[in-house]
Protein backbone atom coordinates (compact mmCIF):
# COMPACT_ATOMS: atom_id res chain seq x y z
CA MET A 1 -34.45 11.58 9.29
CA ARG A 2 -32.30 12.62 6.32
CA LYS A 3 -29.94 14.62 8.59
CA ILE A 4 -29.46 11.62 10.86
CA LEU A 5 -28.64 9.40 7.88
CA VAL A 6 -26.05 11.92 6.63
CA LEU A 7 -24.47 12.14 10.10
CA ILE A 8 -24.24 8.35 10.32
CA ILE A 9 -22.60 8.08 6.89
CA VAL A 10 -20.09 10.84 7.69
CA SER A 11 -19.29 9.28 11.08
CA LEU A 12 -18.71 5.85 9.56
CA SER A 13 -16.46 7.21 6.84
CA LEU A 14 -14.34 9.10 9.39
CA CYS A 15 -13.93 5.96 11.46
CA GLN A 16 -12.60 3.99 8.50
CA PHE A 17 -10.14 6.53 7.12
CA PRO A 18 -8.19 9.15 9.04
CA VAL A 19 -8.96 12.70 7.96
CA GLY A 20 -6.60 13.64 5.16
CA ALA A 21 -5.48 10.05 4.55
CA LYS A 22 -4.24 9.49 1.03
CA GLU A 23 -3.63 6.62 -1.34
CA VAL A 24 -0.43 6.25 -3.33
CA VAL A 25 -0.18 3.93 -6.32
CA VAL A 26 3.04 2.01 -6.98
CA GLU A 27 3.17 0.45 -10.41
CA ILE A 28 4.95 -2.85 -10.96
CA TYR A 29 6.36 -2.85 -14.47
CA LYS A 30 9.52 -4.09 -16.20
CA ARG A 31 10.68 -5.64 -12.93
CA LYS A 32 10.60 -2.32 -11.07
CA PHE A 33 8.48 -0.68 -8.37
CA THR A 34 7.65 2.87 -9.50
CA PRO A 35 8.05 4.96 -7.47
CA LYS A 36 10.69 2.99 -5.58
CA ASP A 37 10.52 5.18 -2.47
CA VAL A 38 7.18 6.36 -1.08
CA TYR A 39 6.70 8.97 1.65
CA LEU A 40 3.51 8.76 3.71
CA ASN A 41 1.82 9.88 6.89
CA VAL A 42 0.39 7.40 9.39
CA GLY A 43 -2.97 6.21 8.08
CA ASP A 44 -2.08 6.47 4.38
CA THR A 45 -2.45 3.53 2.01
CA VAL A 46 -0.23 2.20 -0.76
CA ILE A 47 -1.72 0.28 -3.67
CA TRP A 48 0.66 -1.84 -5.73
CA LYS A 49 -0.62 -2.58 -9.23
CA ASN A 50 0.96 -5.19 -11.45
CA ILE A 51 0.73 -3.68 -14.93
CA GLU A 52 3.02 -6.24 -16.57
CA LYS A 53 1.61 -8.19 -19.52
CA ARG A 54 2.80 -11.65 -18.42
CA GLN A 55 4.98 -11.53 -15.29
CA TYR A 56 3.87 -12.22 -11.72
CA HIS A 57 5.33 -10.44 -8.68
CA ASN A 58 4.60 -9.90 -5.00
CA VAL A 59 5.18 -7.34 -2.27
CA TRP A 60 7.10 -8.92 0.59
CA PHE A 61 7.81 -7.05 3.82
CA LYS A 62 10.27 -9.58 5.22
CA GLN A 63 10.59 -7.64 8.48
CA LEU A 64 6.84 -7.97 9.05
CA ASN A 65 6.00 -11.32 7.46
CA LYS A 66 7.64 -14.65 8.01
CA GLU A 67 6.25 -16.23 4.86
CA GLU A 68 6.33 -14.94 1.33
CA PRO A 69 2.92 -13.56 0.26
CA ASP A 70 0.82 -14.66 -2.70
CA TYR A 71 1.74 -13.54 -6.19
CA LEU A 72 0.15 -10.63 -8.02
CA PHE A 73 -0.58 -11.63 -11.58
CA PRO A 74 -1.00 -9.07 -14.38
CA GLY A 75 -3.94 -6.79 -13.67
CA GLU A 76 -4.05 -7.60 -9.95
CA SER A 77 -3.29 -5.25 -7.07
CA TYR A 78 -2.47 -5.32 -3.37
CA SER A 79 -3.00 -2.56 -0.82
CA LYS A 80 -1.66 -1.89 2.65
CA THR A 81 -2.52 0.87 5.10
CA PHE A 82 0.38 2.00 7.29
CA ASN A 83 -0.77 2.71 10.83
CA ASP A 84 2.69 2.96 12.40
CA ALA A 85 5.53 5.36 11.72
CA GLY A 86 8.80 3.89 10.47
CA GLU A 87 10.78 2.72 7.49
CA PHE A 88 9.41 -0.36 5.77
CA ASN A 89 11.64 -2.13 3.25
CA TYR A 90 10.06 -4.53 0.80
CA GLU A 91 11.01 -6.62 -2.19
CA CYS A 92 9.53 -8.95 -4.77
CA GLY A 93 10.03 -12.54 -3.62
CA PRO A 94 10.45 -14.06 -7.10
CA HIS A 95 12.70 -11.13 -8.17
CA PRO A 96 14.75 -10.11 -5.09
CA LYS A 97 16.57 -7.33 -6.97
CA MET A 98 13.23 -5.49 -7.10
CA LYS A 99 13.19 -3.40 -3.91
CA GLY A 100 11.35 -0.42 -2.47
CA VAL A 101 10.96 1.50 0.77
CA ILE A 102 7.91 3.03 2.44
CA PHE A 103 8.77 5.93 4.78
CA VAL A 104 5.93 6.69 7.21
CA LYS A 105 5.92 9.68 9.55
CA LYS A 106 3.50 10.59 12.31
CA ASN A 107 0.83 13.13 11.51
CA LYS A 108 1.37 16.55 13.05
């Protein structure tokens, strides 16, 4: 019974996350995304964390979204998994000079 339970747990975890998938953290601080450019493989996830003390921001992929997303207030985060290869430009809606790019390549 224990072996079956372990197999089920392993199977479920592999279904949710591609093998070797990674998470990359982008900090939002002093009106900058750090790092500004992120290089990923398909299936990887980016987590944006607003570490400002008072300022709100957001992560807006204009090419993907028609409407500006909700704000991230200090201490909040937003994550996105990239399942398609490509170049994804984003900016902060309230601060359009804040920009970043996610570069996603296919796994080999």
